[in-house]
N, C-alpha and C. Protein backbone atom coordinates (compact mmCIF):
# COMPACT_ATOMS: atom_id res chain seq x y z
N MET A 1 -19.89 135.58 206.20
CA MET A 1 -18.43 135.68 206.40
C MET A 1 -18.01 137.10 206.57
N ASP A 2 -17.20 137.53 207.50
CA ASP A 2 -16.66 138.84 207.72
C ASP A 2 -15.47 139.06 206.84
N LEU A 3 -15.69 139.71 205.66
CA LEU A 3 -14.59 139.89 204.72
C LEU A 3 -13.59 141.08 205.16
N ASP A 4 -14.19 141.98 206.09
CA ASP A 4 -13.33 143.06 206.52
C ASP A 4 -12.13 142.60 207.29
N ARG A 5 -12.21 141.39 207.88
CA ARG A 5 -11.12 140.93 208.70
C ARG A 5 -9.87 140.62 207.71
N LEU A 6 -10.11 140.50 206.43
CA LEU A 6 -9.04 140.25 205.49
C LEU A 6 -8.17 141.47 205.18
N CYS A 7 -8.69 142.67 205.66
CA CYS A 7 -7.96 143.99 205.44
C CYS A 7 -7.27 144.33 206.74
N ASP A 8 -5.88 144.54 206.60
CA ASP A 8 -5.18 145.01 207.72
C ASP A 8 -4.82 146.49 207.42
N ASN A 9 -5.73 147.30 207.96
CA ASN A 9 -5.70 148.66 207.66
C ASN A 9 -4.84 149.53 208.64
N HIS A 10 -3.79 150.19 208.19
CA HIS A 10 -2.97 151.09 208.98
C HIS A 10 -3.01 152.53 208.44
N THR A 11 -4.16 152.93 207.95
CA THR A 11 -4.36 154.21 207.34
C THR A 11 -5.47 154.94 208.05
N PRO A 12 -5.59 156.26 207.89
CA PRO A 12 -6.80 157.04 208.40
C PRO A 12 -8.00 156.77 207.62
N MET A 13 -7.99 155.85 206.57
CA MET A 13 -9.13 155.62 205.74
C MET A 13 -10.10 154.58 206.37
N VAL A 14 -11.30 154.58 205.93
CA VAL A 14 -12.23 153.51 206.33
C VAL A 14 -12.08 152.49 205.18
N VAL A 15 -11.84 151.21 205.56
CA VAL A 15 -11.65 150.23 204.47
C VAL A 15 -12.69 149.09 204.68
N ARG A 16 -13.36 148.67 203.55
CA ARG A 16 -14.27 147.54 203.55
C ARG A 16 -13.90 146.64 202.36
N CYS A 17 -14.09 145.35 202.61
CA CYS A 17 -13.91 144.31 201.67
C CYS A 17 -15.28 143.72 201.33
N VAL A 18 -15.61 143.71 200.00
CA VAL A 18 -16.95 143.37 199.63
C VAL A 18 -16.80 142.50 198.39
N VAL A 19 -17.67 141.66 198.12
CA VAL A 19 -17.76 140.86 196.87
C VAL A 19 -18.78 141.56 195.90
N LEU A 20 -18.17 141.92 194.78
CA LEU A 20 -18.92 142.59 193.68
C LEU A 20 -18.81 141.91 192.33
N PRO A 21 -19.74 141.91 191.43
CA PRO A 21 -19.45 141.32 190.15
C PRO A 21 -18.64 142.19 189.26
N ASP A 22 -17.81 141.45 188.53
CA ASP A 22 -16.89 142.17 187.50
C ASP A 22 -17.69 142.42 186.21
N ALA A 23 -17.05 142.86 185.17
CA ALA A 23 -17.71 143.27 183.92
C ALA A 23 -18.48 142.07 183.26
N VAL A 24 -17.97 140.80 183.57
CA VAL A 24 -18.58 139.70 182.99
C VAL A 24 -19.45 138.85 183.90
N GLY A 25 -19.68 139.51 185.17
CA GLY A 25 -20.55 138.89 186.11
C GLY A 25 -19.95 137.90 187.21
N ARG A 26 -18.57 137.80 187.15
CA ARG A 26 -17.87 136.94 188.09
C ARG A 26 -17.76 137.74 189.38
N ASP A 27 -17.90 136.98 190.50
CA ASP A 27 -17.76 137.59 191.84
C ASP A 27 -16.21 137.79 192.01
N VAL A 28 -15.94 139.10 192.46
CA VAL A 28 -14.49 139.50 192.75
C VAL A 28 -14.49 140.15 194.11
N LEU A 29 -13.44 139.76 194.87
CA LEU A 29 -13.25 140.45 196.22
C LEU A 29 -12.68 141.85 195.91
N THR A 30 -13.41 142.86 196.37
CA THR A 30 -13.08 144.34 196.08
C THR A 30 -12.84 144.99 197.46
N THR A 31 -11.71 145.70 197.44
CA THR A 31 -11.30 146.57 198.65
C THR A 31 -11.68 148.03 198.35
N ILE A 32 -12.44 148.63 199.21
CA ILE A 32 -12.86 150.03 199.09
C ILE A 32 -12.18 150.75 200.24
N ALA A 33 -11.36 151.78 199.92
CA ALA A 33 -10.72 152.55 200.90
C ALA A 33 -11.27 153.97 200.76
N LYS A 34 -11.80 154.65 201.86
CA LYS A 34 -12.39 155.86 201.71
C LYS A 34 -11.82 156.87 202.73
N LEU A 35 -11.44 158.08 202.32
CA LEU A 35 -10.87 159.07 203.20
C LEU A 35 -11.81 160.23 203.19
N THR A 36 -12.05 160.74 204.44
CA THR A 36 -12.94 161.93 204.51
C THR A 36 -12.05 163.10 204.90
N LEU A 37 -12.23 164.21 204.10
CA LEU A 37 -11.53 165.45 204.36
C LEU A 37 -12.61 166.54 204.64
N VAL A 38 -12.23 167.46 205.43
CA VAL A 38 -13.16 168.64 205.78
C VAL A 38 -12.29 169.87 205.42
N VAL A 39 -12.96 170.73 204.64
CA VAL A 39 -12.33 172.02 204.21
C VAL A 39 -12.85 173.07 205.11
N ALA A 40 -11.99 173.75 205.85
CA ALA A 40 -12.30 174.89 206.71
C ALA A 40 -12.64 176.12 205.83
N PRO A 41 -13.33 177.13 206.39
CA PRO A 41 -13.70 178.46 205.66
C PRO A 41 -12.31 179.11 205.06
N ASP A 42 -11.25 178.94 205.83
CA ASP A 42 -10.01 179.53 205.32
C ASP A 42 -9.32 178.76 204.21
N GLY A 43 -9.82 177.55 203.91
CA GLY A 43 -9.18 176.80 202.84
C GLY A 43 -8.31 175.62 203.46
N GLY A 44 -8.14 175.56 204.69
CA GLY A 44 -7.32 174.52 205.25
C GLY A 44 -8.05 173.17 205.23
N VAL A 45 -7.33 172.13 205.08
CA VAL A 45 -7.97 170.69 204.95
C VAL A 45 -7.53 169.94 206.16
N LEU A 46 -8.51 169.27 206.79
CA LEU A 46 -8.22 168.38 207.86
C LEU A 46 -8.92 167.04 207.63
N LEU A 47 -8.49 166.01 208.40
CA LEU A 47 -9.15 164.74 208.34
C LEU A 47 -10.51 164.81 208.93
N GLY A 48 -11.55 164.24 208.34
CA GLY A 48 -12.83 164.24 208.92
C GLY A 48 -12.96 163.28 210.14
N THR A 49 -13.42 163.77 211.16
CA THR A 49 -13.58 162.92 212.43
C THR A 49 -15.01 162.93 212.88
N PRO A 50 -15.67 161.79 213.00
CA PRO A 50 -15.24 160.55 212.53
C PRO A 50 -15.28 160.50 210.95
N PRO A 51 -14.61 159.54 210.38
CA PRO A 51 -14.62 159.38 208.97
C PRO A 51 -15.92 158.87 208.50
N ARG A 52 -16.40 159.20 207.26
CA ARG A 52 -17.70 158.77 206.71
C ARG A 52 -17.60 157.20 206.42
N PRO A 53 -18.60 156.52 206.79
CA PRO A 53 -18.62 155.09 206.42
C PRO A 53 -18.72 154.81 204.90
N VAL A 54 -18.37 153.58 204.59
CA VAL A 54 -18.52 153.03 203.19
C VAL A 54 -20.03 152.81 203.11
N ARG A 55 -20.68 153.40 202.07
CA ARG A 55 -22.10 153.29 201.96
C ARG A 55 -22.52 152.12 200.94
N ASP A 56 -23.44 151.22 201.42
CA ASP A 56 -23.97 150.18 200.57
C ASP A 56 -25.00 150.83 199.58
N GLN A 57 -25.60 151.87 199.84
CA GLN A 57 -26.63 152.41 198.96
C GLN A 57 -26.64 153.95 199.10
N ALA A 58 -27.23 154.57 198.09
CA ALA A 58 -27.18 156.14 198.10
C ALA A 58 -28.11 156.60 199.30
N VAL A 59 -27.69 157.81 199.62
CA VAL A 59 -28.55 158.49 200.77
C VAL A 59 -29.26 159.71 200.12
N PRO A 60 -30.54 159.63 200.11
CA PRO A 60 -31.33 160.76 199.49
C PRO A 60 -31.13 162.08 200.40
N SER A 61 -31.27 163.22 199.70
CA SER A 61 -31.18 164.48 200.30
C SER A 61 -32.35 164.84 201.14
N SER A 62 -33.48 164.18 200.84
CA SER A 62 -34.71 164.43 201.74
C SER A 62 -35.70 163.26 201.52
N SER A 63 -36.78 163.34 202.25
CA SER A 63 -37.73 162.23 202.18
C SER A 63 -38.60 162.31 200.91
N ASP A 64 -38.44 163.38 200.10
CA ASP A 64 -39.24 163.52 198.85
C ASP A 64 -38.75 162.37 197.86
N PRO A 65 -39.72 161.68 197.38
CA PRO A 65 -39.39 160.55 196.48
C PRO A 65 -38.61 161.00 195.19
N TRP A 66 -38.67 162.21 194.82
CA TRP A 66 -37.94 162.85 193.69
C TRP A 66 -36.61 163.46 194.09
N ALA A 67 -36.26 163.32 195.30
CA ALA A 67 -34.99 163.99 195.86
C ALA A 67 -33.82 163.40 195.17
N GLY A 68 -32.81 164.28 194.99
CA GLY A 68 -31.45 163.75 194.52
C GLY A 68 -30.71 163.11 195.67
N HIS A 69 -29.52 162.80 195.37
CA HIS A 69 -28.63 162.08 196.38
C HIS A 69 -27.81 163.06 197.19
N LEU A 70 -27.81 162.91 198.42
CA LEU A 70 -26.92 163.68 199.19
C LEU A 70 -25.48 162.98 199.17
N TYR A 71 -25.53 161.60 199.31
CA TYR A 71 -24.29 160.89 199.20
C TYR A 71 -24.57 159.66 198.23
N PRO A 72 -23.75 159.51 197.29
CA PRO A 72 -23.95 158.29 196.37
C PRO A 72 -23.44 157.00 197.05
N SER A 73 -23.86 155.91 196.50
CA SER A 73 -23.32 154.60 197.05
C SER A 73 -21.95 154.53 196.66
N ASP A 74 -21.13 153.81 197.53
CA ASP A 74 -19.69 153.61 197.33
C ASP A 74 -19.52 152.31 196.47
N LEU A 75 -20.53 151.52 196.36
CA LEU A 75 -20.44 150.26 195.68
C LEU A 75 -20.86 150.40 194.15
N VAL A 76 -19.88 150.32 193.32
CA VAL A 76 -20.20 150.48 191.81
C VAL A 76 -19.34 149.31 191.08
N ASP A 77 -19.81 149.21 189.87
CA ASP A 77 -19.19 148.12 189.07
C ASP A 77 -17.75 148.40 188.81
N GLU A 78 -17.39 149.59 188.44
CA GLU A 78 -16.01 149.92 188.07
C GLU A 78 -15.82 151.45 188.46
N LYS A 79 -14.67 151.72 189.10
CA LYS A 79 -14.22 153.04 189.35
C LYS A 79 -12.77 153.28 189.02
N PRO A 80 -12.52 153.71 187.81
CA PRO A 80 -11.10 153.81 187.40
C PRO A 80 -10.34 154.94 187.97
N GLY A 81 -10.94 155.77 188.77
CA GLY A 81 -10.27 156.90 189.31
C GLY A 81 -10.80 157.23 190.67
N THR A 82 -10.68 158.42 191.21
CA THR A 82 -11.02 158.86 192.51
C THR A 82 -12.23 159.75 192.42
N ASP A 83 -13.16 159.48 193.25
CA ASP A 83 -14.42 160.50 193.34
C ASP A 83 -13.94 161.61 194.25
N VAL A 84 -14.43 162.86 193.94
CA VAL A 84 -14.32 163.92 194.79
C VAL A 84 -15.79 164.43 194.87
N LEU A 85 -16.34 164.40 196.13
CA LEU A 85 -17.70 164.81 196.42
C LEU A 85 -17.75 166.03 197.37
N LEU A 86 -18.52 167.03 196.84
CA LEU A 86 -18.67 168.24 197.55
C LEU A 86 -20.10 168.21 198.26
N VAL A 87 -20.06 168.22 199.57
CA VAL A 87 -21.26 168.27 200.34
C VAL A 87 -21.19 169.58 201.13
N GLY A 88 -22.17 170.46 200.91
CA GLY A 88 -22.01 171.70 201.70
C GLY A 88 -23.18 172.70 201.40
N THR A 89 -22.99 173.92 201.96
CA THR A 89 -24.03 174.98 201.90
C THR A 89 -23.45 176.18 201.41
N ALA A 90 -23.99 176.90 200.40
CA ALA A 90 -23.46 178.21 199.99
C ALA A 90 -23.77 179.20 201.12
N GLN A 91 -22.83 179.86 201.77
CA GLN A 91 -23.05 180.79 202.83
C GLN A 91 -22.85 182.11 202.29
N PRO A 92 -23.90 183.01 202.16
CA PRO A 92 -23.70 184.29 201.58
C PRO A 92 -22.86 185.21 202.52
N PRO A 93 -22.24 186.29 201.96
CA PRO A 93 -21.51 187.12 202.77
C PRO A 93 -22.30 187.75 203.97
N SER A 94 -21.66 187.75 205.21
CA SER A 94 -22.42 188.21 206.33
C SER A 94 -22.33 189.81 206.46
N ASP A 95 -21.53 190.44 205.78
CA ASP A 95 -21.28 191.86 205.91
C ASP A 95 -22.15 192.59 204.86
N ARG A 96 -22.74 191.97 203.95
CA ARG A 96 -23.56 192.69 202.94
C ARG A 96 -24.63 191.78 202.34
N SER A 97 -25.62 192.35 201.65
CA SER A 97 -26.67 191.54 201.01
C SER A 97 -26.24 191.22 199.65
N ALA A 98 -26.52 189.89 199.16
CA ALA A 98 -26.20 189.48 197.86
C ALA A 98 -27.36 188.77 197.30
N THR A 99 -27.45 188.68 195.94
CA THR A 99 -28.52 187.97 195.37
C THR A 99 -27.91 186.69 194.71
N TRP A 100 -26.60 186.64 194.54
CA TRP A 100 -25.97 185.45 193.98
C TRP A 100 -24.55 185.37 194.50
N MET A 101 -23.96 184.18 194.34
CA MET A 101 -22.51 184.12 194.67
C MET A 101 -21.96 182.83 193.83
N ASP A 102 -20.69 182.81 193.71
CA ASP A 102 -19.95 181.79 193.05
C ASP A 102 -19.48 180.75 194.17
N VAL A 103 -19.61 179.46 194.01
CA VAL A 103 -19.01 178.46 194.90
C VAL A 103 -18.06 177.60 194.06
N THR A 104 -16.81 177.49 194.35
CA THR A 104 -15.72 176.81 193.60
C THR A 104 -15.22 175.68 194.51
N LEU A 105 -15.04 174.55 193.73
CA LEU A 105 -14.30 173.34 194.33
C LEU A 105 -13.04 173.21 193.49
N ARG A 106 -11.88 173.22 194.05
CA ARG A 106 -10.62 173.06 193.40
C ARG A 106 -9.81 172.10 194.12
N VAL A 107 -9.40 171.07 193.28
CA VAL A 107 -8.45 170.00 193.86
C VAL A 107 -7.27 170.04 192.84
N ALA A 108 -6.10 170.51 193.28
CA ALA A 108 -5.07 170.76 192.26
C ALA A 108 -4.07 169.68 192.18
N ALA A 109 -4.06 168.72 192.94
CA ALA A 109 -3.11 167.58 192.98
C ALA A 109 -3.43 166.58 191.86
N GLY A 110 -2.43 165.92 191.32
CA GLY A 110 -2.57 164.80 190.33
C GLY A 110 -2.44 165.38 188.94
N ARG A 111 -2.66 164.46 187.99
CA ARG A 111 -2.49 164.71 186.60
C ARG A 111 -3.67 165.56 185.99
N ARG A 112 -4.82 165.29 186.60
CA ARG A 112 -5.96 166.02 186.14
C ARG A 112 -6.67 166.87 187.20
N PRO A 113 -6.26 168.03 187.37
CA PRO A 113 -6.82 168.87 188.52
C PRO A 113 -8.29 169.13 188.25
N ILE A 114 -9.07 169.24 189.31
CA ILE A 114 -10.47 169.58 189.25
C ILE A 114 -10.65 171.04 189.62
N ASP A 115 -11.44 171.73 188.80
CA ASP A 115 -11.64 173.17 189.16
C ASP A 115 -13.06 173.47 188.62
N LYS A 116 -14.05 173.38 189.40
CA LYS A 116 -15.41 173.55 189.02
C LYS A 116 -16.07 174.75 189.84
N THR A 117 -16.86 175.56 189.23
CA THR A 117 -17.53 176.61 189.84
C THR A 117 -19.05 176.60 189.59
N VAL A 118 -19.93 176.83 190.49
CA VAL A 118 -21.31 176.91 190.34
C VAL A 118 -21.77 178.26 190.70
N ARG A 119 -22.78 178.81 190.16
CA ARG A 119 -23.38 180.14 190.61
C ARG A 119 -24.56 179.79 191.30
N VAL A 120 -24.72 180.27 192.63
CA VAL A 120 -25.86 180.01 193.40
C VAL A 120 -26.58 181.40 193.48
N PHE A 121 -27.97 181.28 193.15
CA PHE A 121 -28.80 182.48 193.19
C PHE A 121 -29.83 182.38 194.39
N GLY A 122 -30.21 183.48 194.79
CA GLY A 122 -31.41 183.51 195.76
C GLY A 122 -32.64 182.98 195.05
N THR A 123 -33.71 182.71 195.85
CA THR A 123 -34.95 182.15 195.25
C THR A 123 -35.42 182.99 194.12
N ARG A 124 -35.85 182.26 193.06
CA ARG A 124 -36.31 182.92 191.84
C ARG A 124 -37.68 182.41 191.47
N VAL A 125 -38.57 183.13 190.90
CA VAL A 125 -39.83 182.68 190.47
C VAL A 125 -39.84 182.72 188.93
N LEU A 126 -40.42 181.69 188.29
CA LEU A 126 -40.58 181.68 186.85
C LEU A 126 -41.73 182.42 186.42
N TYR A 127 -41.54 183.16 185.35
CA TYR A 127 -42.70 183.99 184.77
C TYR A 127 -42.90 183.55 183.36
N ARG A 128 -44.15 183.63 182.89
CA ARG A 128 -44.46 183.38 181.45
C ARG A 128 -44.18 184.68 180.68
N GLY A 129 -43.31 184.50 179.76
CA GLY A 129 -43.04 185.57 178.86
C GLY A 129 -43.73 185.50 177.55
N ALA A 130 -43.43 186.35 176.54
CA ALA A 130 -44.18 186.38 175.25
C ALA A 130 -43.87 185.10 174.52
N TRP A 131 -42.66 184.44 174.62
CA TRP A 131 -42.44 183.25 173.86
C TRP A 131 -42.11 182.01 174.67
N ASP A 132 -41.80 182.26 175.93
CA ASP A 132 -41.51 181.09 176.78
C ASP A 132 -41.47 181.44 178.18
N VAL A 133 -41.05 180.63 179.04
CA VAL A 133 -40.93 180.81 180.51
C VAL A 133 -39.60 181.28 180.89
N ALA A 134 -39.41 182.39 181.66
CA ALA A 134 -38.13 182.90 182.04
C ALA A 134 -38.01 183.09 183.50
N PRO A 135 -36.79 182.94 184.09
CA PRO A 135 -36.66 183.19 185.55
C PRO A 135 -36.70 184.74 185.89
N GLY A 136 -37.38 185.07 186.92
CA GLY A 136 -37.45 186.45 187.39
C GLY A 136 -36.16 186.81 188.10
N PRO A 137 -36.05 188.00 188.72
CA PRO A 137 -34.80 188.40 189.38
C PRO A 137 -34.59 187.56 190.75
N PRO A 138 -33.48 187.40 191.11
CA PRO A 138 -33.27 186.60 192.37
C PRO A 138 -33.54 187.43 193.65
N ALA A 139 -34.10 186.78 194.70
CA ALA A 139 -34.21 187.41 195.95
C ALA A 139 -32.97 187.47 196.64
N ALA A 140 -32.92 188.07 197.87
CA ALA A 140 -31.64 188.04 198.60
C ALA A 140 -31.29 186.47 198.86
N LEU A 141 -29.98 186.24 198.73
CA LEU A 141 -29.39 184.95 198.98
C LEU A 141 -29.34 184.66 200.41
N LEU A 142 -29.95 183.48 200.82
CA LEU A 142 -29.80 182.89 202.11
C LEU A 142 -28.91 181.74 202.10
N PRO A 143 -28.55 181.14 203.23
CA PRO A 143 -27.72 179.92 203.20
C PRO A 143 -28.46 178.82 202.30
N THR A 144 -27.81 178.26 201.34
CA THR A 144 -28.50 177.47 200.34
C THR A 144 -27.69 176.14 200.26
N PRO A 145 -28.43 175.00 200.51
CA PRO A 145 -27.67 173.65 200.37
C PRO A 145 -27.41 173.50 198.94
N LEU A 146 -26.15 172.81 198.68
CA LEU A 146 -25.77 172.48 197.41
C LEU A 146 -26.28 171.09 197.07
N VAL A 147 -27.51 171.00 196.63
CA VAL A 147 -28.21 169.79 196.32
C VAL A 147 -28.76 169.87 194.85
N TYR A 148 -28.85 168.59 194.31
CA TYR A 148 -29.33 168.52 192.88
C TYR A 148 -30.69 169.20 192.70
N GLU A 149 -31.60 169.10 193.53
CA GLU A 149 -33.00 169.45 193.15
C GLU A 149 -33.02 171.07 193.17
N LEU A 150 -32.02 171.80 193.65
CA LEU A 150 -32.09 173.23 193.53
C LEU A 150 -31.20 173.76 192.41
N THR A 151 -30.84 172.90 191.48
CA THR A 151 -30.05 173.31 190.32
C THR A 151 -30.85 173.52 189.08
N TYR A 152 -30.30 174.27 188.26
CA TYR A 152 -30.95 174.50 186.89
C TYR A 152 -29.90 175.24 185.96
N GLY A 153 -29.75 174.73 184.81
CA GLY A 153 -29.03 175.34 183.73
C GLY A 153 -27.58 175.64 184.05
N GLY A 154 -26.98 176.27 183.10
CA GLY A 154 -25.53 176.63 183.23
C GLY A 154 -24.73 176.11 182.04
N ARG A 155 -23.43 176.30 182.16
CA ARG A 155 -22.50 176.00 181.05
C ARG A 155 -21.27 175.23 181.68
N ASP A 156 -20.86 174.22 180.98
CA ASP A 156 -19.55 173.50 181.41
C ASP A 156 -18.73 173.39 180.19
N ASP A 157 -17.71 174.16 180.10
CA ASP A 157 -16.77 174.13 178.97
C ASP A 157 -15.35 173.74 179.43
N GLN A 158 -15.26 173.04 180.56
CA GLN A 158 -14.03 172.64 181.16
C GLN A 158 -13.46 171.35 180.74
N SER A 159 -14.07 170.67 179.70
CA SER A 159 -13.58 169.43 179.24
C SER A 159 -12.87 169.71 177.95
N PRO A 160 -11.43 169.59 178.03
CA PRO A 160 -10.69 169.89 176.82
C PRO A 160 -11.04 169.03 175.62
N GLY A 161 -11.12 169.65 174.42
CA GLY A 161 -11.45 168.94 173.25
C GLY A 161 -12.88 168.51 173.01
N GLU A 162 -13.77 168.93 173.94
CA GLU A 162 -15.14 168.61 173.82
C GLU A 162 -16.03 169.91 173.64
N ALA A 163 -17.08 169.74 173.04
CA ALA A 163 -17.99 170.87 172.91
C ALA A 163 -18.57 171.27 174.24
N PRO A 164 -18.74 172.56 174.55
CA PRO A 164 -19.34 172.95 175.95
C PRO A 164 -20.78 172.35 175.99
N LEU A 165 -21.08 172.03 177.32
CA LEU A 165 -22.41 171.57 177.63
C LEU A 165 -23.21 172.82 178.07
N VAL A 166 -24.30 173.17 177.56
CA VAL A 166 -25.04 174.28 177.91
C VAL A 166 -26.53 173.97 178.18
N ASP A 167 -27.11 174.49 179.17
CA ASP A 167 -28.50 174.27 179.59
C ASP A 167 -29.03 175.60 180.11
N TRP A 168 -30.01 176.13 179.52
CA TRP A 168 -30.53 177.38 179.95
C TRP A 168 -31.90 177.28 180.51
């Protein structure tokens, strides 16, 4: 049965109607509305054309069996809020050489604004030190995809009332 015909969509969003189990296992008709926005280098925001489809399953970032997800599945048990997903590449400055840069995602609308920054380094090699393994100095930064498998360490102290999360 085509459940999408139950949705009369007059928005720029992609809408899908699917049957998903609720918290106790009962089938529930669920409507998923998805809006795709594209952020230009100057910070302007436009509707993504064409909009991204509602995904039944996660899309891996590469064919490596250990690869992270480039896009997660849109089908989940419960989603009490809105997801904001950053898909992109850190582009180093074109006018000078850099070994690192900060990339920030900021969404200021709503009751709980999002403001997250990650530091992106050029390629590093791990060296064995006297007591442990430590990263060496970063090489010149090249365009770097923002994917899970290229991440390591950091600090997140942006959750009020909670202890900071630290991984070195």
